[in-house]
Amino acid sequence: MRSKEYLSELSTKSSSELQAELVGAKKELFNLRLQNATNQLDNTARIKEVKRNIARIKTVITRNERGLA
């Protein structure tokens, strides 16, 4: 259910806000991978969640560009 709420929240944002959200998510993924490599990451499932959020953001951006929203 949480993913649907996140997706509906993304649908209301402008393209510049989506780009900023995408950059932030990619930075977070980088930091999580770095922590995982140095054995400092406790919740490894967070990496999977962030990857999926990046995919959701990209999907909304593509929908907006094609006018499907």
PDB file of N, CA and C in Angstrom:
ATOM      1  N   MET A   1       0.830  -1.198   0.000  1.00  0.00           N
ATOM      2  CA  MET A   1       0.000   0.000   0.000  1.00  0.00           C
ATOM      3  C   MET A   1       0.872   1.259   0.000  1.00  0.00           C
ATOM      4  N   ARG A   2       2.005   1.177   0.630  1.00  0.00           N
ATOM      5  CA  ARG A   2       2.882   2.336   0.718  1.00  0.00           C
ATOM      6  C   ARG A   2       3.368   2.770  -0.655  1.00  0.00           C
ATOM      7  N   SER A   3       3.612   1.820  -1.544  1.00  0.00           N
ATOM      8  CA  SER A   3       4.116   2.165  -2.873  1.00  0.00           C
ATOM      9  C   SER A   3       3.070   2.927  -3.674  1.00  0.00           C
ATOM     10  N   LYS A   4       1.807   2.591  -3.489  1.00  0.00           N
ATOM     11  CA  LYS A   4       0.738   3.309  -4.195  1.00  0.00           C
ATOM     12  C   LYS A   4       0.642   4.751  -3.711  1.00  0.00           C
ATOM     13  N   GLU A   5       0.819   4.941  -2.423  1.00  0.00           N
ATOM     14  CA  GLU A   5       0.791   6.291  -1.862  1.00  0.00           C
ATOM     15  C   GLU A   5       1.965   7.108  -2.395  1.00  0.00           C
ATOM     16  N   TYR A   6       3.133   6.489  -2.469  1.00  0.00           N
ATOM     17  CA  TYR A   6       4.328   7.165  -2.980  1.00  0.00           C
ATOM     18  C   TYR A   6       4.147   7.514  -4.450  1.00  0.00           C
ATOM     19  N   LEU A   7       3.554   6.597  -5.209  1.00  0.00           N
ATOM     20  CA  LEU A   7       3.330   6.831  -6.627  1.00  0.00           C
ATOM     21  C   LEU A   7       2.322   7.960  -6.855  1.00  0.00           C
ATOM     22  N   SER A   8       1.287   8.018  -6.051  1.00  0.00           N
ATOM     23  CA  SER A   8       0.317   9.104  -6.192  1.00  0.00           C
ATOM     24  C   SER A   8       0.929  10.440  -5.791  1.00  0.00           C
ATOM     25  N   GLU A   9       1.836  10.408  -4.814  1.00  0.00           N
ATOM     26  CA  GLU A   9       2.539  11.627  -4.412  1.00  0.00           C
ATOM     27  C   GLU A   9       3.445  12.114  -5.541  1.00  0.00           C
ATOM     28  N   LEU A  10       4.109  11.183  -6.214  1.00  0.00           N
ATOM     29  CA  LEU A  10       4.987  11.552  -7.327  1.00  0.00           C
ATOM     30  C   LEU A  10       4.197  12.129  -8.497  1.00  0.00           C
ATOM     31  N   SER A  11       3.000  11.628  -8.709  1.00  0.00           N
ATOM     32  CA  SER A  11       2.189  12.081  -9.832  1.00  0.00           C
ATOM     33  C   SER A  11       1.793  13.545  -9.718  1.00  0.00           C
ATOM     34  N   THR A  12       1.774  14.062  -8.498  1.00  0.00           N
ATOM     35  CA  THR A  12       1.361  15.450  -8.295  1.00  0.00           C
ATOM     36  C   THR A  12       2.518  16.438  -8.430  1.00  0.00           C
ATOM     37  N   LYS A  13       3.754  15.924  -8.531  1.00  0.00           N
ATOM     38  CA  LYS A  13       4.926  16.799  -8.577  1.00  0.00           C
ATOM     39  C   LYS A  13       5.231  17.245 -10.003  1.00  0.00           C
ATOM     40  N   SER A  14       5.904  18.384 -10.110  1.00  0.00           N
ATOM     41  CA  SER A  14       6.318  18.903 -11.416  1.00  0.00           C
ATOM     42  C   SER A  14       7.573  18.173 -11.884  1.00  0.00           C
ATOM     43  N   SER A  15       7.947  18.401 -13.135  1.00  0.00           N
ATOM     44  CA  SER A  15       9.108  17.696 -13.689  1.00  0.00           C
ATOM     45  C   SER A  15      10.405  18.097 -12.983  1.00  0.00           C
ATOM     46  N   SER A  16      10.531  19.358 -12.606  1.00  0.00           N
ATOM     47  CA  SER A  16      11.752  19.777 -11.903  1.00  0.00           C
ATOM     48  C   SER A  16      11.816  19.150 -10.508  1.00  0.00           C
ATOM     49  N   GLU A  17      10.688  19.024  -9.850  1.00  0.00           N
ATOM     50  CA  GLU A  17      10.663  18.370  -8.538  1.00  0.00           C
ATOM     51  C   GLU A  17      10.988  16.889  -8.676  1.00  0.00           C
ATOM     52  N   LEU A  18      10.519  16.275  -9.752  1.00  0.00           N
ATOM     53  CA  LEU A  18      10.810  14.862  -9.986  1.00  0.00           C
ATOM     54  C   LEU A  18      12.297  14.654 -10.251  1.00  0.00           C
ATOM     55  N   GLN A  19      12.901  15.560 -11.009  1.00  0.00           N
ATOM     56  CA  GLN A  19      14.330  15.453 -11.276  1.00  0.00           C
ATOM     57  C   GLN A  19      15.130  15.582  -9.972  1.00  0.00           C
ATOM     58  N   ALA A  20      14.722  16.502  -9.117  1.00  0.00           N
ATOM     59  CA  ALA A  20      15.393  16.680  -7.828  1.00  0.00           C
ATOM     60  C   ALA A  20      15.221  15.436  -6.962  1.00  0.00           C
ATOM     61  N   GLU A  21      14.046  14.850  -6.990  1.00  0.00           N
ATOM     62  CA  GLU A  21      13.767  13.633  -6.234  1.00  0.00           C
ATOM     63  C   GLU A  21      14.640  12.480  -6.755  1.00  0.00           C
ATOM     64  N   LEU A  22      14.799  12.420  -8.073  1.00  0.00           N
ATOM     65  CA  LEU A  22      15.620  11.373  -8.688  1.00  0.00           C
ATOM     66  C   LEU A  22      17.088  11.517  -8.280  1.00  0.00           C
ATOM     67  N   VAL A  23      17.593  12.730  -8.307  1.00  0.00           N
ATOM     68  CA  VAL A  23      18.987  12.972  -7.900  1.00  0.00           C
ATOM     69  C   VAL A  23      19.180  12.580  -6.436  1.00  0.00           C
ATOM     70  N   GLY A  24      18.243  12.944  -5.596  1.00  0.00           N
ATOM     71  CA  GLY A  24      18.339  12.598  -4.174  1.00  0.00           C
ATOM     72  C   GLY A  24      18.311  11.100  -3.945  1.00  0.00           C
ATOM     73  N   ALA A  25      17.461  10.398  -4.690  1.00  0.00           N
ATOM     74  CA  ALA A  25      17.370   8.949  -4.543  1.00  0.00           C
ATOM     75  C   ALA A  25      18.650   8.272  -5.020  1.00  0.00           C
ATOM     76  N   LYS A  26      19.234   8.783  -6.096  1.00  0.00           N
ATOM     77  CA  LYS A  26      20.484   8.204  -6.594  1.00  0.00           C
ATOM     78  C   LYS A  26      21.631   8.429  -5.607  1.00  0.00           C
ATOM     79  N   LYS A  27      21.648   9.592  -4.971  1.00  0.00           N
ATOM     80  CA  LYS A  27      22.668   9.863  -3.951  1.00  0.00           C
ATOM     81  C   LYS A  27      22.496   8.926  -2.763  1.00  0.00           C
ATOM     82  N   GLU A  28      21.242   8.725  -2.370  1.00  0.00           N
ATOM     83  CA  GLU A  28      20.972   7.818  -1.255  1.00  0.00           C
ATOM     84  C   GLU A  28      21.408   6.396  -1.596  1.00  0.00           C
ATOM     85  N   LEU A  29      21.142   5.954  -2.826  1.00  0.00           N
ATOM     86  CA  LEU A  29      21.551   4.620  -3.247  1.00  0.00           C
ATOM     87  C   LEU A  29      23.072   4.489  -3.220  1.00  0.00           C
ATOM     88  N   PHE A  30      23.769   5.509  -3.678  1.00  0.00           N
ATOM     89  CA  PHE A  30      25.231   5.486  -3.636  1.00  0.00           C
ATOM     90  C   PHE A  30      25.730   5.338  -2.208  1.00  0.00           C
ATOM     91  N   ASN A  31      25.162   6.128  -1.301  1.00  0.00           N
ATOM     92  CA  ASN A  31      25.578   6.068   0.103  1.00  0.00           C
ATOM     93  C   ASN A  31      25.278   4.711   0.722  1.00  0.00           C
ATOM     94  N   LEU A  32      24.124   4.131   0.368  1.00  0.00           N
ATOM     95  CA  LEU A  32      23.786   2.813   0.896  1.00  0.00           C
ATOM     96  C   LEU A  32      24.749   1.752   0.386  1.00  0.00           C
ATOM     97  N   ARG A  33      25.113   1.836  -0.898  1.00  0.00           N
ATOM     98  CA  ARG A  33      26.068   0.877  -1.447  1.00  0.00           C
ATOM     99  C   ARG A  33      27.441   1.020  -0.788  1.00  0.00           C
ATOM    100  N   LEU A  34      27.824   2.242  -0.518  1.00  0.00           N
ATOM    101  CA  LEU A  34      29.101   2.494   0.148  1.00  0.00           C
ATOM    102  C   LEU A  34      29.086   1.909   1.561  1.00  0.00           C
ATOM    103  N   GLN A  35      27.999   2.139   2.276  1.00  0.00           N
ATOM    104  CA  GLN A  35      27.875   1.589   3.625  1.00  0.00           C
ATOM    105  C   GLN A  35      27.870   0.068   3.596  1.00  0.00           C
ATOM    106  N   ASN A  36      27.234  -0.505   2.579  1.00  0.00           N
ATOM    107  CA  ASN A  36      27.178  -1.958   2.467  1.00  0.00           C
ATOM    108  C   ASN A  36      28.569  -2.534   2.204  1.00  0.00           C
ATOM    109  N   ALA A  37      29.334  -1.846   1.381  1.00  0.00           N
ATOM    110  CA  ALA A  37      30.679  -2.317   1.053  1.00  0.00           C
ATOM    111  C   ALA A  37      31.610  -2.263   2.254  1.00  0.00           C
ATOM    112  N   THR A  38      31.380  -1.325   3.147  1.00  0.00           N
ATOM    113  CA  THR A  38      32.228  -1.194   4.333  1.00  0.00           C
ATOM    114  C   THR A  38      31.613  -1.869   5.563  1.00  0.00           C
ATOM    115  N   ASN A  39      30.583  -2.670   5.332  1.00  0.00           N
ATOM    116  CA  ASN A  39      29.894  -3.417   6.398  1.00  0.00           C
ATOM    117  C   ASN A  39      29.321  -2.520   7.491  1.00  0.00           C
ATOM    118  N   GLN A  40      28.829  -1.358   7.131  1.00  0.00           N
ATOM    119  CA  GLN A  40      28.207  -0.456   8.097  1.00  0.00           C
ATOM    120  C   GLN A  40      26.684  -0.436   7.958  1.00  0.00           C
ATOM    121  N   LEU A  41      26.156  -1.109   6.949  1.00  0.00           N
ATOM    122  CA  LEU A  41      24.722  -1.068   6.675  1.00  0.00           C
ATOM    123  C   LEU A  41      24.011  -2.171   7.443  1.00  0.00           C
ATOM    124  N   ASP A  42      23.014  -1.782   8.223  1.00  0.00           N
ATOM    125  CA  ASP A  42      22.256  -2.758   9.005  1.00  0.00           C
ATOM    126  C   ASP A  42      21.067  -3.305   8.213  1.00  0.00           C
ATOM    127  N   ASN A  43      20.360  -2.430   7.520  1.00  0.00           N
ATOM    128  CA  ASN A  43      19.148  -2.822   6.800  1.00  0.00           C
ATOM    129  C   ASN A  43      19.447  -2.878   5.298  1.00  0.00           C
ATOM    130  N   THR A  44      19.823  -4.043   4.808  1.00  0.00           N
ATOM    131  CA  THR A  44      20.172  -4.176   3.397  1.00  0.00           C
ATOM    132  C   THR A  44      18.943  -4.129   2.493  1.00  0.00           C
ATOM    133  N   ALA A  45      17.777  -4.324   3.029  1.00  0.00           N
ATOM    134  CA  ALA A  45      16.549  -4.261   2.235  1.00  0.00           C
ATOM    135  C   ALA A  45      16.284  -2.837   1.757  1.00  0.00           C
ATOM    136  N   ARG A  46      16.884  -1.879   2.408  1.00  0.00           N
ATOM    137  CA  ARG A  46      16.709  -0.468   2.015  1.00  0.00           C
ATOM    138  C   ARG A  46      17.247  -0.218   0.604  1.00  0.00           C
ATOM    139  N   ILE A  47      18.309  -0.939   0.215  1.00  0.00           N
ATOM    140  CA  ILE A  47      18.874  -0.786  -1.132  1.00  0.00           C
ATOM    141  C   ILE A  47      17.820  -1.148  -2.173  1.00  0.00           C
ATOM    142  N   LYS A  48      17.150  -2.254  -1.961  1.00  0.00           N
ATOM    143  CA  LYS A  48      16.107  -2.708  -2.892  1.00  0.00           C
ATOM    144  C   LYS A  48      14.964  -1.699  -2.968  1.00  0.00           C
ATOM    145  N   GLU A  49      14.588  -1.164  -1.827  1.00  0.00           N
ATOM    146  CA  GLU A  49      13.500  -0.192  -1.770  1.00  0.00           C
ATOM    147  C   GLU A  49      13.858   1.087  -2.535  1.00  0.00           C
ATOM    148  N   VAL A  50      15.088   1.564  -2.364  1.00  0.00           N
ATOM    149  CA  VAL A  50      15.525   2.784  -3.045  1.00  0.00           C
ATOM    150  C   VAL A  50      15.603   2.558  -4.556  1.00  0.00           C
ATOM    151  N   LYS A  51      16.083   1.373  -4.971  1.00  0.00           N
ATOM    152  CA  LYS A  51      16.130   1.055  -6.398  1.00  0.00           C
ATOM    153  C   LYS A  51      14.739   1.094  -7.011  1.00  0.00           C
ATOM    154  N   ARG A  52      13.784   0.545  -6.307  1.00  0.00           N
ATOM    155  CA  ARG A  52      12.404   0.545  -6.808  1.00  0.00           C
ATOM    156  C   ARG A  52      11.823   1.953  -6.851  1.00  0.00           C
ATOM    157  N   ASN A  53      12.170   2.768  -5.862  1.00  0.00           N
ATOM    158  CA  ASN A  53      11.713   4.156  -5.872  1.00  0.00           C
ATOM    159  C   ASN A  53      12.293   4.915  -7.059  1.00  0.00           C
ATOM    160  N   ILE A  54      13.564   4.647  -7.399  1.00  0.00           N
ATOM    161  CA  ILE A  54      14.179   5.280  -8.565  1.00  0.00           C
ATOM    162  C   ILE A  54      13.421   4.877  -9.824  1.00  0.00           C
ATOM    163  N   ALA A  55      13.072   3.611  -9.927  1.00  0.00           N
ATOM    164  CA  ALA A  55      12.311   3.135 -11.086  1.00  0.00           C
ATOM    165  C   ALA A  55      10.936   3.796 -11.143  1.00  0.00           C
ATOM    166  N   ARG A  56      10.301   3.973  -9.997  1.00  0.00           N
ATOM    167  CA  ARG A  56       8.986   4.630  -9.968  1.00  0.00           C
ATOM    168  C   ARG A  56       9.089   6.081 -10.429  1.00  0.00           C
ATOM    169  N   ILE A  57      10.128   6.766  -9.974  1.00  0.00           N
ATOM    170  CA  ILE A  57      10.326   8.165 -10.361  1.00  0.00           C
ATOM    171  C   ILE A  57      10.546   8.256 -11.869  1.00  0.00           C
ATOM    172  N   LYS A  58      11.398   7.384 -12.393  1.00  0.00           N
ATOM    173  CA  LYS A  58      11.659   7.392 -13.833  1.00  0.00           C
ATOM    174  C   LYS A  58      10.399   7.086 -14.635  1.00  0.00           C
ATOM    175  N   THR A  59       9.558   6.198 -14.122  1.00  0.00           N
ATOM    176  CA  THR A  59       8.307   5.864 -14.802  1.00  0.00           C
ATOM    177  C   THR A  59       7.388   7.075 -14.871  1.00  0.00           C
ATOM    178  N   VAL A  60       7.275   7.804 -13.774  1.00  0.00           N
ATOM    179  CA  VAL A  60       6.413   8.992 -13.754  1.00  0.00           C
ATOM    180  C   VAL A  60       6.965  10.068 -14.697  1.00  0.00           C
ATOM    181  N   ILE A  61       8.284  10.228 -14.716  1.00  0.00           N
ATOM    182  CA  ILE A  61       8.901  11.207 -15.622  1.00  0.00           C
ATOM    183  C   ILE A  61       8.588  10.856 -17.067  1.00  0.00           C
ATOM    184  N   THR A  62       8.722   9.583 -17.426  1.00  0.00           N
ATOM    185  CA  THR A  62       8.442   9.133 -18.787  1.00  0.00           C
ATOM    186  C   THR A  62       6.975   9.325 -19.137  1.00  0.00           C
ATOM    187  N   ARG A  63       6.076   9.001 -18.209  1.00  0.00           N
ATOM    188  CA  ARG A  63       4.645   9.213 -18.456  1.00  0.00           C
ATOM    189  C   ARG A  63       4.343  10.677 -18.731  1.00  0.00           C
ATOM    190  N   ASN A  64       4.948  11.561 -17.944  1.00  0.00           N
ATOM    191  CA  ASN A  64       4.704  12.992 -18.122  1.00  0.00           C
ATOM    192  C   ASN A  64       5.239  13.476 -19.462  1.00  0.00           C
ATOM    193  N   GLU A  65       6.404  12.968 -19.876  1.00  0.00           N
ATOM    194  CA  GLU A  65       6.984  13.381 -21.158  1.00  0.00           C
ATOM    195  C   GLU A  65       6.126  12.934 -22.326  1.00  0.00           C
ATOM    196  N   ARG A  66       5.552  11.759 -22.207  1.00  0.00           N
ATOM    197  CA  ARG A  66       4.733  11.206 -23.303  1.00  0.00           C
ATOM    198  C   ARG A  66       3.276  11.652 -23.231  1.00  0.00           C
ATOM    199  N   GLY A  67       2.919  12.321 -22.159  1.00  0.00           N
ATOM    200  CA  GLY A  67       1.554  12.812 -22.011  1.00  0.00           C
ATOM    201  C   GLY A  67       0.551  11.743 -21.656  1.00  0.00           C
ATOM    202  N   LEU A  68       0.987  10.713 -20.963  1.00  0.00           N
ATOM    203  CA  LEU A  68       0.109   9.609 -20.597  1.00  0.00           C
ATOM    204  C   LEU A  68      -0.517   9.768 -19.218  1.00  0.00           C
ATOM    205  N   ALA A  69      -0.097  10.773 -18.488  1.00  0.00           N
ATOM    206  CA  ALA A  69      -0.590  10.954 -17.116  1.00  0.00           C
ATOM    207  C   ALA A  69      -1.956  11.579 -17.099  1.00  0.00           C
TER     208      ALA A  69
END
